[in-house]
Amino acid sequence: MTGPVTVRSATRRLVGLTALRWLPVGLTTPITVLLAQARGLSLAEIGLLFTVHGVVVLLLELPTGGLADVLGRRPVVIAGALLHLVSCVVYATATGFAGFLVGVLLLGLGRALDSGPVEAWYVDTVHRLDPAADVAPGLAKHSAADGGGLALGAVVGGFLPGLLGGVGDGPVGDALAVPYLTAAALDLVFVAAVFRLLSEARPPHEGRARAVLVAGVRAVPATVAGAVRLSVTDGPMRLVLLLTALGGVGLVGCELLGPVRFADLAGGSDDGAAVYGSVLAISFGAAAAGAAAAPALRRLLRGSTRAACAVLTAVGGLALAILAGPDVLAVAATGFALYYVAHGASWPLLSAVLHTRVIAVHRATAVSAMSLAMALGGIVGNLTVPPLVAAAGLEAGFVAVAAVVALGVLGCLRLPRSTAVETAVAPGEVPVGY
């Protein structure tokens, strides 16, 4: 298929590809821990697997983003999807720690590969069609499709094992493995969609494919180094990465402390897991709604990106504080979902600021840098919040995370007011990398 000829058609492709990408991930989210436990792993071993996944993504985010900038968006996206497919099959059939470790390593590599290329393709395509276009509305729909795919997948993945309980014998036939096998099948659908929809206008390569690949890999370090250099020398980019890292700390408050909080409120771990799964699915949908509403919020604030981000960051801090409040399930669930609304709405606005500061050659790497910043924020949170909770209690942990997130309001007020290229870059400036 030829490339899109309008911004609207490019946005439709972005939304479709994003929903297809995250639907398989959502399918597996509710049963990841349960499947590993059913195969004999302890919670400590499962925690180690999660740590390995985080480290793999952390180490490979920038190099794989550079690979997409050098070799093209489509081949890297397809490679990431195929790795996710294989990881799902490995995870579904694993019978011990070693098997799950292989699955997690493949999952981390695939996640690092596909964290930025589709978004970078969209921004490049929109700028080719309309160099002065503001990409924030399209990125808001992108984030909404992300949350919507996760929410739908989480609901289906949570109900599938119960509906298909007792299917077959052995690891493949376990009902808990069905969401993983279904996710693998959906990965094939996503790959087909990428082949059809993600068209790239790249100059023809000379020579054999192997020579092109070798040359591209050799160019990755220079591309990554250039993106890192630009990230630390450009003020708005530094702010975006800092605010993204603070968002990662906020997610730790939800994802690390949330299950404990809801288990306490539900009266036990079994009921707490069911309640948390339901709240998580609702929150994914809330994040999608927040992302879709981000442009409207910005319009209400007279088109000011900095004001919209400041309001959303303040709301996120308040939401986390609510989780430390009354021991009422509905109140805690509201605070949890509200944080996801704020986080989902701020992400496309911050992404749009980032894209005004870079050119195409560094775009996928810059998106990976944003993901890397969130991962670093999460690591800091995972290292500091548990000792605080152990010393001062769960409520103190939520309050501390809320305070850290709320500090981001100060950074938001220093962001560019607009994400239109001609207004986001000051007179006499050009986007970094020119």
Protein backbone atom coordinates (compact mmCIF):
# COMPACT_ATOMS: atom_id res chain seq x y z
CA MET A 1 0.00 0.00 0.00
CA THR A 2 1.15 3.53 -0.75
CA GLY A 3 1.75 6.02 2.05
CA PRO A 4 -1.03 8.16 3.52
CA VAL A 5 -1.86 11.32 1.60
CA THR A 6 -3.52 13.28 4.42
CA VAL A 7 -2.78 13.84 8.09
CA ARG A 8 -6.14 12.27 8.93
CA SER A 9 -5.31 9.04 7.08
CA ALA A 10 -1.90 8.89 8.73
CA THR A 11 -3.59 9.28 12.13
CA ARG A 12 -6.02 6.46 11.34
CA ARG A 13 -3.11 4.18 10.54
CA LEU A 14 -1.34 5.18 13.76
CA VAL A 15 -4.44 4.47 15.85
CA GLY A 16 -5.05 1.09 14.21
CA LEU A 17 -1.46 -0.07 14.56
CA THR A 18 -1.26 1.10 18.18
CA ALA A 19 -4.46 -0.69 19.22
CA LEU A 20 -3.32 -3.89 17.52
CA ARG A 21 0.09 -3.65 19.18
CA TRP A 22 -1.19 -3.28 22.75
CA LEU A 23 -4.18 -5.62 22.60
CA PRO A 24 -1.93 -8.74 22.91
CA VAL A 25 -0.03 -7.13 25.80
CA GLY A 26 -3.29 -6.42 27.61
CA LEU A 27 -4.39 -10.02 27.14
CA THR A 28 -1.45 -11.33 29.14
CA THR A 29 -1.26 -8.67 31.85
CA PRO A 30 -3.88 -10.08 34.28
CA ILE A 31 -2.49 -13.64 34.28
CA THR A 32 1.29 -13.17 34.09
CA VAL A 33 1.93 -13.74 37.79
CA LEU A 34 -0.78 -16.40 38.12
CA LEU A 35 0.63 -18.51 35.29
CA ALA A 36 4.15 -18.38 36.70
CA GLN A 37 2.88 -19.34 40.16
CA ALA A 38 0.87 -22.21 38.69
CA ARG A 39 4.09 -23.53 37.13
CA GLY A 40 5.83 -23.55 40.51
CA LEU A 41 7.62 -20.17 40.66
CA SER A 42 7.75 -18.26 43.92
CA LEU A 43 6.91 -14.58 44.21
CA ALA A 44 10.61 -13.85 44.74
CA GLU A 45 11.46 -15.60 41.46
CA ILE A 46 8.69 -13.72 39.66
CA GLY A 47 10.02 -10.45 41.05
CA LEU A 48 13.47 -11.35 39.73
CA LEU A 49 12.00 -11.96 36.29
CA PHE A 50 10.38 -8.51 36.33
CA THR A 51 13.71 -6.98 37.31
CA VAL A 52 15.46 -8.73 34.43
CA HIS A 53 12.84 -7.39 32.03
CA GLY A 54 13.34 -3.85 33.29
CA VAL A 55 17.11 -4.07 32.99
CA VAL A 56 16.93 -5.41 29.41
CA VAL A 57 14.64 -2.57 28.35
CA LEU A 58 16.80 -0.03 30.17
CA LEU A 59 20.01 -1.17 28.44
CA LEU A 60 18.55 -1.47 24.96
CA GLU A 61 16.09 1.44 24.66
CA LEU A 62 18.51 3.90 23.04
CA PRO A 63 20.45 1.42 20.86
CA THR A 64 17.24 -0.03 19.42
CA GLY A 65 15.83 3.45 18.86
CA GLY A 66 19.01 4.29 16.97
CA LEU A 67 18.56 1.12 14.93
CA ALA A 68 15.11 2.31 13.86
CA ASP A 69 16.52 5.70 12.88
CA VAL A 70 19.23 4.07 10.76
CA LEU A 71 17.58 1.00 9.23
CA GLY A 72 14.00 2.21 9.03
CA ARG A 73 10.89 2.01 11.19
CA ARG A 74 9.09 -0.95 9.63
CA PRO A 75 11.77 -3.67 9.91
CA VAL A 76 12.42 -2.81 13.55
CA VAL A 77 8.70 -2.83 14.42
CA ILE A 78 8.27 -6.22 12.74
CA ALA A 79 11.29 -7.64 14.55
CA GLY A 80 9.89 -6.44 17.88
CA ALA A 81 6.49 -8.00 17.18
CA LEU A 82 8.01 -11.34 16.20
CA LEU A 83 10.09 -11.39 19.37
CA HIS A 84 6.94 -10.69 21.38
CA LEU A 85 5.21 -13.56 19.59
CA VAL A 86 8.02 -16.00 20.41
CA SER A 87 8.16 -14.77 24.01
CA CYS A 88 4.43 -15.48 24.41
CA VAL A 89 4.84 -19.03 23.13
CA VAL A 90 7.85 -19.61 25.38
CA TYR A 91 6.02 -18.19 28.39
CA ALA A 92 2.93 -20.32 27.68
CA THR A 93 4.98 -23.53 27.50
CA ALA A 94 7.58 -22.84 30.21
CA THR A 95 7.64 -25.26 33.11
CA GLY A 96 10.37 -23.75 35.29
CA PHE A 97 12.37 -20.63 36.04
CA ALA A 98 14.80 -21.10 33.13
CA GLY A 99 11.98 -21.20 30.59
CA PHE A 100 10.31 -18.12 31.99
CA LEU A 101 13.68 -16.33 32.01
CA VAL A 102 14.11 -16.98 28.29
CA GLY A 103 10.61 -15.66 27.67
CA VAL A 104 11.28 -12.52 29.69
CA LEU A 105 14.56 -11.84 27.87
CA LEU A 106 12.80 -12.11 24.51
CA LEU A 107 9.96 -9.94 25.79
CA GLY A 108 12.34 -7.21 26.96
CA LEU A 109 14.23 -7.16 23.66
CA GLY A 110 10.99 -6.98 21.69
CA ARG A 111 9.68 -4.18 23.92
CA ALA A 112 12.84 -2.16 23.43
CA LEU A 113 12.65 -2.57 19.66
CA ASP A 114 9.06 -1.38 19.24
CA SER A 115 8.93 1.40 21.83
CA GLY A 116 9.28 4.30 19.39
CA PRO A 117 9.37 3.51 15.65
CA VAL A 118 5.61 3.69 14.94
CA GLU A 119 5.30 7.05 16.65
CA ALA A 120 8.41 8.31 14.86
CA TRP A 121 6.98 7.14 11.52
CA TYR A 122 3.76 9.03 12.20
CA VAL A 123 5.49 12.30 13.07
CA ASP A 124 7.76 12.07 10.03
CA THR A 125 4.76 11.36 7.80
CA VAL A 126 2.73 14.27 9.20
CA HIS A 127 5.65 16.68 8.81
CA ARG A 128 6.13 15.51 5.23
CA LEU A 129 2.46 16.21 4.49
CA ASP A 130 2.32 19.48 6.46
CA PRO A 131 5.64 20.77 7.86
CA ALA A 132 3.88 23.20 10.22
CA ALA A 133 1.36 20.68 11.60
CA ASP A 134 0.89 20.20 15.34
CA VAL A 135 1.18 16.47 16.03
CA ALA A 136 -0.32 16.66 19.55
CA PRO A 137 -3.92 15.77 18.49
CA GLY A 138 -2.71 12.70 16.62
CA LEU A 139 -0.45 11.64 19.47
CA ALA A 140 -3.41 12.01 21.84
CA LYS A 141 -5.37 9.53 19.71
CA HIS A 142 -2.27 7.31 19.68
CA SER A 143 -2.20 7.27 23.49
CA ALA A 144 -5.95 6.67 23.60
CA ALA A 145 -5.55 3.66 21.32
CA ASP A 146 -2.72 2.43 23.55
CA GLY A 147 -4.89 2.55 26.68
CA GLY A 148 -7.95 1.22 24.87
CA GLY A 149 -6.06 -1.79 23.52
CA LEU A 150 -4.65 -2.56 26.97
CA ALA A 151 -8.06 -2.19 28.62
CA LEU A 152 -9.84 -4.44 26.15
CA GLY A 153 -7.06 -7.01 26.32
CA ALA A 154 -7.04 -6.97 30.13
CA VAL A 155 -10.77 -7.64 30.29
CA VAL A 156 -10.63 -10.49 27.77
CA GLY A 157 -7.43 -11.95 29.20
CA GLY A 158 -8.87 -11.91 32.71
CA PHE A 159 -12.03 -13.78 31.71
CA LEU A 160 -10.56 -16.31 29.24
CA PRO A 161 -9.05 -18.71 31.80
CA GLY A 162 -12.33 -18.92 33.70
CA LEU A 163 -14.33 -19.49 30.52
CA LEU A 164 -11.92 -22.15 29.24
CA GLY A 165 -10.97 -23.79 32.54
CA GLY A 166 -9.87 -27.38 32.25
CA VAL A 167 -8.88 -27.16 28.57
CA GLY A 168 -6.47 -29.96 27.74
CA ASP A 169 -3.56 -31.31 29.72
CA GLY A 170 0.02 -30.16 30.13
CA PRO A 171 1.48 -26.67 29.99
CA VAL A 172 0.12 -25.71 26.56
CA GLY A 173 -3.38 -26.82 27.50
CA ASP A 174 -3.50 -24.94 30.79
CA ALA A 175 -6.34 -22.46 30.77
CA LEU A 176 -3.97 -19.80 32.08
CA ALA A 177 -1.80 -20.23 29.00
CA VAL A 178 -4.66 -19.47 26.60
CA PRO A 179 -4.29 -15.66 26.77
CA TYR A 180 -0.59 -15.99 25.88
CA LEU A 181 -1.32 -18.24 22.90
CA THR A 182 -4.09 -15.89 21.79
CA ALA A 183 -1.67 -12.96 22.09
CA ALA A 184 0.82 -14.79 19.86
CA ALA A 185 -1.86 -15.21 17.19
CA LEU A 186 -2.75 -11.51 17.41
CA ASP A 187 0.93 -10.64 16.95
CA LEU A 188 0.71 -12.23 13.49
CA VAL A 189 -2.26 -9.96 12.71
CA PHE A 190 -0.22 -6.97 13.84
CA VAL A 191 2.74 -7.95 11.63
CA ALA A 192 0.42 -8.20 8.63
CA ALA A 193 -1.00 -4.77 9.45
CA VAL A 194 2.50 -3.27 9.69
CA PHE A 195 3.38 -4.66 6.25
CA ARG A 196 0.23 -3.08 4.82
CA LEU A 197 -0.01 0.24 6.67
CA LEU A 198 3.46 1.36 7.78
CA SER A 199 4.89 2.49 4.45
CA GLU A 200 8.24 4.29 4.40
CA ALA A 201 9.54 6.63 1.73
CA ARG A 202 13.20 5.70 2.10
CA PRO A 203 15.86 5.93 -0.59
CA PRO A 204 16.71 2.59 -2.24
CA HIS A 205 19.65 0.84 -0.66
CA GLU A 206 22.57 -0.20 -2.78
CA GLY A 207 24.28 -3.53 -2.35
CA ARG A 208 23.20 -6.62 -0.53
CA ALA A 209 20.86 -6.57 2.46
CA ARG A 210 23.60 -7.94 4.71
CA ALA A 211 25.92 -5.05 3.82
CA VAL A 212 23.14 -2.56 4.50
CA LEU A 213 22.46 -4.15 7.88
CA VAL A 214 26.13 -4.10 8.86
CA ALA A 215 26.48 -0.47 7.82
CA GLY A 216 23.32 0.43 9.71
CA VAL A 217 24.43 -1.27 12.91
CA ARG A 218 27.80 0.52 12.71
CA ALA A 219 25.96 3.84 12.46
CA VAL A 220 23.84 3.20 15.56
CA PRO A 221 26.42 4.35 18.18
CA ALA A 222 26.88 7.71 16.47
CA THR A 223 23.10 8.16 16.17
CA VAL A 224 22.57 7.32 19.83
CA ALA A 225 25.44 9.57 20.95
CA GLY A 226 23.99 12.44 18.93
CA ALA A 227 20.55 11.99 20.47
CA VAL A 228 21.97 11.83 23.99
CA ARG A 229 24.04 14.96 23.38
CA LEU A 230 20.99 16.81 22.08
CA SER A 231 18.88 15.62 25.02
CA VAL A 232 21.19 17.16 27.60
CA THR A 233 21.87 20.41 25.75
CA ASP A 234 18.30 21.40 24.86
CA GLY A 235 16.24 22.86 27.71
CA PRO A 236 12.74 21.73 26.63
CA MET A 237 14.00 18.22 25.94
CA ARG A 238 15.56 18.03 29.39
CA LEU A 239 12.25 19.11 30.93
CA VAL A 240 10.30 16.51 28.95
CA LEU A 241 12.65 13.73 30.08
CA LEU A 242 12.54 14.92 33.70
CA LEU A 243 8.74 15.10 33.73
CA THR A 244 8.55 11.67 32.10
CA ALA A 245 10.80 10.25 34.82
CA LEU A 246 8.52 11.74 37.49
CA GLY A 247 5.60 10.05 35.75
CA GLY A 248 7.49 6.77 36.07
CA VAL A 249 7.77 7.34 39.83
CA GLY A 250 4.01 7.91 39.93
CA LEU A 251 3.36 4.64 38.13
CA VAL A 252 5.42 2.86 40.78
CA GLY A 253 3.02 4.24 43.38
CA CYS A 254 0.14 2.68 41.46
CA GLU A 255 1.62 -0.59 40.26
CA LEU A 256 3.81 -1.46 43.26
CA LEU A 257 1.67 -0.16 46.13
CA GLY A 258 -1.73 -0.43 44.45
CA PRO A 259 -2.08 -4.23 44.73
CA VAL A 260 -1.20 -4.07 48.44
CA ARG A 261 -3.66 -1.25 49.05
CA PHE A 262 -6.53 -3.03 47.32
CA ALA A 263 -5.74 -6.34 49.02
CA ASP A 264 -6.03 -4.55 52.37
CA LEU A 265 -9.31 -2.92 51.38
CA ALA A 266 -10.75 -6.15 49.96
CA GLY A 267 -9.83 -8.14 53.06
CA GLY A 268 -7.39 -10.61 51.53
CA SER A 269 -4.99 -11.30 48.68
CA ASP A 270 -7.41 -13.43 46.62
CA ASP A 271 -10.21 -10.87 46.61
CA GLY A 272 -7.61 -8.10 46.33
CA ALA A 273 -6.20 -9.60 43.12
CA ALA A 274 -9.67 -9.69 41.56
CA VAL A 275 -10.41 -6.14 42.65
CA TYR A 276 -7.03 -4.87 41.48
CA GLY A 277 -7.45 -6.52 38.08
CA SER A 278 -10.80 -4.83 37.61
CA VAL A 279 -9.48 -1.45 38.73
CA LEU A 280 -6.47 -1.84 36.43
CA ALA A 281 -8.66 -2.54 33.39
CA ILE A 282 -10.83 0.49 34.20
CA SER A 283 -7.72 2.62 34.66
CA PHE A 284 -6.31 1.61 31.27
CA GLY A 285 -9.56 2.80 29.76
CA ALA A 286 -9.35 5.97 31.84
CA ALA A 287 -5.85 6.62 30.48
CA ALA A 288 -7.23 6.27 26.95
CA ALA A 289 -10.01 8.73 27.73
CA GLY A 290 -7.51 11.15 29.25
CA ALA A 291 -5.31 11.00 26.18
CA ALA A 292 -8.26 11.62 23.88
CA ALA A 293 -9.30 14.62 25.97
CA ALA A 294 -5.83 16.22 26.10
CA PRO A 295 -6.30 18.50 23.05
CA ALA A 296 -9.65 19.70 24.38
CA LEU A 297 -8.11 20.53 27.75
CA ARG A 298 -5.37 22.47 26.04
CA ARG A 299 -7.95 24.43 24.04
CA LEU A 300 -9.76 25.31 27.28
CA LEU A 301 -6.47 26.72 28.55
CA ARG A 302 -6.09 28.95 25.49
CA GLY A 303 -3.84 26.55 23.64
CA SER A 304 -1.16 26.47 26.33
CA THR A 305 0.73 23.17 26.50
CA ARG A 306 2.56 24.25 29.65
CA ALA A 307 -0.68 25.12 31.45
CA ALA A 308 -2.34 21.84 30.43
CA CYS A 309 0.66 19.80 31.60
CA ALA A 310 0.78 21.72 34.89
CA VAL A 311 -2.91 21.06 35.59
CA LEU A 312 -2.58 17.38 34.72
CA THR A 313 0.53 16.96 36.88
CA ALA A 314 -1.23 18.59 39.83
CA VAL A 315 -4.20 16.27 39.32
CA GLY A 316 -1.85 13.28 39.22
CA GLY A 317 -0.27 14.27 42.53
CA LEU A 318 -3.71 14.74 44.09
CA ALA A 319 -4.85 11.36 42.82
CA LEU A 320 -1.92 9.58 44.47
CA ALA A 321 -2.64 11.42 47.71
CA ILE A 322 -6.24 10.16 47.54
CA LEU A 323 -4.89 6.60 47.56
CA ALA A 324 -3.44 7.34 50.99
CA GLY A 325 -6.79 8.67 52.19
CA PRO A 326 -9.93 7.01 53.62
CA ASP A 327 -10.08 3.22 53.73
CA VAL A 328 -12.93 3.13 51.24
CA LEU A 329 -12.58 0.97 48.16
CA ALA A 330 -14.49 3.31 45.86
CA VAL A 331 -12.37 6.28 46.95
CA ALA A 332 -9.09 4.42 46.41
CA ALA A 333 -10.25 3.12 43.03
CA THR A 334 -11.19 6.66 42.00
CA GLY A 335 -7.76 7.96 42.95
CA PHE A 336 -6.06 5.12 41.08
CA ALA A 337 -8.04 5.69 37.89
CA LEU A 338 -7.63 9.47 38.17
CA TYR A 339 -3.85 9.13 38.14
CA TYR A 340 -4.07 7.14 34.93
CA VAL A 341 -6.30 9.83 33.42
CA ALA A 342 -3.71 12.50 34.23
CA HIS A 343 -0.78 10.38 33.10
CA GLY A 344 -2.51 9.35 29.87
CA ALA A 345 -3.42 12.95 29.02
CA SER A 346 0.01 14.42 29.72
CA TRP A 347 1.99 11.86 27.71
CA PRO A 348 0.89 13.04 24.20
CA LEU A 349 1.50 16.67 25.14
CA LEU A 350 5.02 15.93 26.37
CA SER A 351 5.65 13.78 23.30
CA ALA A 352 4.55 16.64 21.05
CA VAL A 353 7.03 18.98 22.77
CA LEU A 354 9.78 16.42 22.23
CA HIS A 355 9.02 16.13 18.53
CA THR A 356 9.34 19.89 18.02
CA ARG A 357 12.94 19.67 19.26
CA VAL A 358 14.31 16.93 16.98
CA ILE A 359 14.58 16.10 13.31
CA ALA A 360 13.73 12.83 11.59
CA VAL A 361 17.19 11.29 11.85
CA HIS A 362 17.02 11.34 15.66
CA ARG A 363 13.27 10.90 16.14
CA ALA A 364 12.96 7.22 17.09
CA THR A 365 15.98 7.53 19.36
CA ALA A 366 14.39 10.54 21.08
CA VAL A 367 11.16 8.59 21.64
CA SER A 368 13.24 5.77 23.12
CA ALA A 369 14.95 8.32 25.38
CA MET A 370 11.50 9.24 26.68
CA SER A 371 10.75 5.60 27.43
CA LEU A 372 14.17 5.28 29.04
CA ALA A 373 13.44 8.27 31.29
CA MET A 374 10.23 6.63 32.46
CA ALA A 375 12.07 3.37 33.14
CA LEU A 376 14.72 5.22 35.17
CA GLY A 377 12.01 6.95 37.19
CA GLY A 378 10.45 3.57 37.84
CA ILE A 379 13.75 2.07 38.97
CA VAL A 380 14.34 4.94 41.38
CA GLY A 381 10.84 4.48 42.74
CA ASN A 382 11.24 0.73 43.10
CA LEU A 383 14.46 1.22 45.05
CA THR A 384 13.28 3.99 47.39
CA VAL A 385 9.56 3.48 47.98
CA PRO A 386 9.63 -0.03 49.55
CA PRO A 387 12.08 0.96 52.34
CA LEU A 388 9.96 4.02 53.05
CA VAL A 389 6.81 1.90 53.27
CA ALA A 390 8.58 -0.58 55.55
CA ALA A 391 9.66 2.24 57.87
CA ALA A 392 6.64 4.54 57.82
CA GLY A 393 3.71 2.62 56.35
CA LEU A 394 1.81 2.37 53.08
CA GLU A 395 0.12 5.76 53.42
CA ALA A 396 3.49 7.48 53.81
CA GLY A 397 4.64 5.81 50.60
CA PHE A 398 1.67 7.17 48.65
CA VAL A 399 2.13 10.65 50.14
CA ALA A 400 5.84 10.70 49.24
CA VAL A 401 5.18 9.62 45.66
CA ALA A 402 2.38 12.19 45.39
CA ALA A 403 4.74 14.94 46.54
CA VAL A 404 7.41 13.93 44.01
CA VAL A 405 4.89 13.94 41.17
CA ALA A 406 3.45 17.30 42.26
CA LEU A 407 6.92 18.87 42.07
CA GLY A 408 6.66 18.36 38.33
CA VAL A 409 4.25 21.30 38.16
CA LEU A 410 7.26 23.63 38.45
CA GLY A 411 8.89 21.99 35.45
CA CYS A 412 5.68 22.11 33.43
CA LEU A 413 5.54 25.89 33.77
CA ARG A 414 8.86 26.14 31.89
CA LEU A 415 7.74 24.11 28.88
CA PRO A 416 7.08 25.80 25.52
CA ARG A 417 3.58 27.22 25.34
CA SER A 418 2.77 25.60 21.98
CA THR A 419 3.73 22.41 20.15
CA ALA A 420 3.34 23.89 16.69
CA VAL A 421 6.85 23.89 15.21
CA GLU A 422 6.87 27.56 14.30
CA THR A 423 5.92 28.62 17.83
CA ALA A 424 7.59 25.95 19.95
CA VAL A 425 11.01 26.94 18.64
CA ALA A 426 12.12 30.43 19.58
CA PRO A 427 13.02 32.98 16.89
CA GLY A 428 16.46 32.27 15.51
CA GLU A 429 16.39 28.64 16.71
CA VAL A 430 15.92 25.45 14.73
CA PRO A 431 14.95 22.03 16.07
CA VAL A 432 18.04 20.39 17.50
CA GLY A 433 19.91 18.18 15.12
CA TYR A 434 19.76 20.50 12.11
